[in-house]
Amino acid sequence: MSAPVPYELMGGEEGIRRLVDRFYDIMDTAPEASGVRSLHAQSLKWSRQKLFMYLTGWSGGPPLYEDRYGHPHLRMRHVPFRIGQEERDQWVWCMDRALDEQEMSAELRERLRQRLHFLADHMRNEPG
């Protein structure tokens, strides 16, 4: 029997949805995230859905994003947006707070935090 993947440890679809919804709720209301929020459409509906689909597969669940859109090519898809250190830090700030509110082991939270910080670093396409 194999060890459970993060998707399962986070509560499957419901757990991923809770994380994504909380992440975007924070981004949408926190003044600390105004720069990264301004990169998104007025409605966050599609952003929520795409991140949910992506994180589902990324965490070991069904490959929803890939099944619908193909390979994520995340860096390429983010090229039209200026993503420097400030935008990266604001995204991470929102995600860290959303992660802190989810029920999971401290070990899983830290593992996800490290992987998501790495992912956010990879999205940077501007110096500083």
Protein backbone atom coordinates (compact mmCIF):
# COMPACT_ATOMS: atom_id res chain seq x y z
CA MET A 1 0.00 0.00 0.00
CA SER A 2 1.43 3.38 -0.97
CA ALA A 3 1.56 6.41 1.28
CA PRO A 4 -1.25 8.93 0.84
CA VAL A 5 -0.49 11.88 -1.45
CA PRO A 6 -0.99 15.50 -0.34
CA TYR A 7 -4.31 15.63 -2.21
CA GLU A 8 -5.69 12.90 0.06
CA LEU A 9 -4.08 14.34 3.19
CA MET A 10 -5.64 17.75 2.45
CA GLY A 11 -9.13 16.27 2.22
CA GLY A 12 -9.37 15.64 -1.52
CA GLU A 13 -11.51 17.89 -3.67
CA GLU A 14 -13.13 19.61 -0.69
CA GLY A 15 -9.78 20.37 0.93
CA ILE A 16 -8.29 21.80 -2.26
CA ARG A 17 -11.42 23.88 -2.85
CA ARG A 18 -11.25 25.27 0.72
CA LEU A 19 -7.60 26.25 0.26
CA VAL A 20 -8.18 27.91 -3.11
CA ASP A 21 -11.30 29.75 -1.99
CA ARG A 22 -9.60 31.04 1.14
CA PHE A 23 -6.52 32.06 -0.86
CA TYR A 24 -8.60 34.15 -3.27
CA ASP A 25 -10.78 35.55 -0.48
CA ILE A 26 -7.63 36.84 1.19
CA MET A 27 -6.22 38.19 -2.07
CA ASP A 28 -9.50 39.91 -2.86
CA THR A 29 -9.78 41.73 0.48
CA ALA A 30 -6.29 42.27 1.91
CA PRO A 31 -4.61 45.60 1.15
CA GLU A 32 -1.29 43.74 1.45
CA ALA A 33 -2.19 41.86 -1.75
CA SER A 34 -3.38 44.78 -3.88
CA GLY A 35 -0.53 44.48 -6.39
CA VAL A 36 -1.07 40.81 -7.17
CA ARG A 37 -4.86 41.27 -7.05
CA SER A 38 -4.60 43.94 -9.76
CA LEU A 39 -3.13 41.32 -12.13
CA HIS A 40 -6.41 39.39 -12.03
CA ALA A 41 -9.77 40.00 -13.67
CA GLN A 42 -12.45 41.77 -11.64
CA SER A 43 -14.20 38.44 -11.12
CA LEU A 44 -11.98 35.76 -9.63
CA LYS A 45 -14.30 32.96 -10.74
CA TRP A 46 -12.05 31.60 -13.51
CA SER A 47 -8.87 32.11 -11.49
CA ARG A 48 -10.40 30.11 -8.64
CA GLN A 49 -11.42 27.31 -10.98
CA LYS A 50 -8.08 27.11 -12.78
CA LEU A 51 -6.06 27.13 -9.56
CA PHE A 52 -8.36 24.48 -8.10
CA MET A 53 -7.89 22.30 -11.17
CA TYR A 54 -4.14 22.85 -11.20
CA LEU A 55 -3.60 22.22 -7.48
CA THR A 56 -5.74 19.08 -7.63
CA GLY A 57 -3.29 17.43 -10.03
CA TRP A 58 -0.22 19.13 -8.54
CA SER A 59 -1.03 17.63 -5.14
CA GLY A 60 -1.52 14.10 -6.49
CA GLY A 61 -5.21 14.09 -7.32
CA PRO A 62 -6.86 13.76 -10.72
CA PRO A 63 -5.13 15.76 -13.48
CA LEU A 64 -8.11 18.09 -14.02
CA TYR A 65 -6.12 20.99 -15.44
CA GLU A 66 -4.12 18.86 -17.86
CA ASP A 67 -7.23 16.98 -19.00
CA ARG A 68 -8.91 20.24 -19.93
CA TYR A 69 -6.08 22.55 -21.01
CA GLY A 70 -3.06 20.32 -21.62
CA HIS A 71 0.32 20.84 -20.00
CA PRO A 72 0.16 23.83 -17.65
CA HIS A 73 3.27 25.63 -18.98
CA LEU A 74 2.78 27.92 -15.99
CA ARG A 75 5.67 30.26 -16.64
CA MET A 76 4.62 30.74 -20.26
CA ARG A 77 1.00 31.39 -19.26
CA HIS A 78 2.13 34.07 -16.81
CA VAL A 79 4.46 35.91 -19.23
CA PRO A 80 1.83 38.56 -20.10
CA PHE A 81 1.82 39.67 -16.44
CA ARG A 82 4.60 41.57 -14.72
CA ILE A 83 5.61 39.31 -11.84
CA GLY A 84 8.48 40.66 -9.81
CA GLN A 85 9.53 40.09 -6.22
CA GLU A 86 6.66 42.22 -4.88
CA GLU A 87 3.96 40.30 -6.75
CA ARG A 88 5.58 36.99 -5.81
CA ASP A 89 5.74 38.01 -2.16
CA GLN A 90 2.09 39.11 -2.14
CA TRP A 91 0.97 35.83 -3.73
CA VAL A 92 2.99 33.87 -1.16
CA TRP A 93 1.62 36.03 1.66
CA CYS A 94 -1.94 35.12 0.66
CA MET A 95 -1.13 31.44 0.20
CA ASP A 96 0.71 31.21 3.53
CA ARG A 97 -2.30 32.63 5.34
CA ALA A 98 -4.69 30.31 3.53
CA LEU A 99 -2.48 27.31 4.34
CA ASP A 100 -2.30 28.33 8.00
CA GLU A 101 -6.10 28.14 8.21
CA GLN A 102 -6.38 24.63 6.76
CA GLU A 103 -6.58 21.53 8.91
CA MET A 104 -3.49 19.45 8.20
CA SER A 105 -0.36 18.27 9.93
CA ALA A 106 2.42 20.77 10.50
CA GLU A 107 4.70 18.56 8.40
CA LEU A 108 2.34 18.61 5.41
CA ARG A 109 1.77 22.36 5.75
CA GLU A 110 5.51 23.02 5.69
CA ARG A 111 6.05 20.69 2.73
CA LEU A 112 3.28 22.42 0.77
CA ARG A 113 4.59 25.85 1.78
CA GLN A 114 8.07 25.02 0.49
CA ARG A 115 6.77 23.65 -2.81
CA LEU A 116 4.39 26.59 -3.33
CA HIS A 117 7.12 29.12 -2.54
CA PHE A 118 9.33 27.41 -5.13
CA LEU A 119 6.47 27.56 -7.63
CA ALA A 120 5.94 31.28 -6.91
CA ASP A 121 9.66 31.94 -7.39
CA HIS A 122 9.50 30.18 -10.75
CA MET A 123 6.71 32.52 -11.95
CA ARG A 124 8.85 35.64 -11.57
CA ASN A 125 9.59 37.24 -14.91
CA GLU A 126 10.83 40.64 -13.75
CA PRO A 127 13.83 41.51 -11.62
CA GLY A 128 13.21 43.00 -8.20
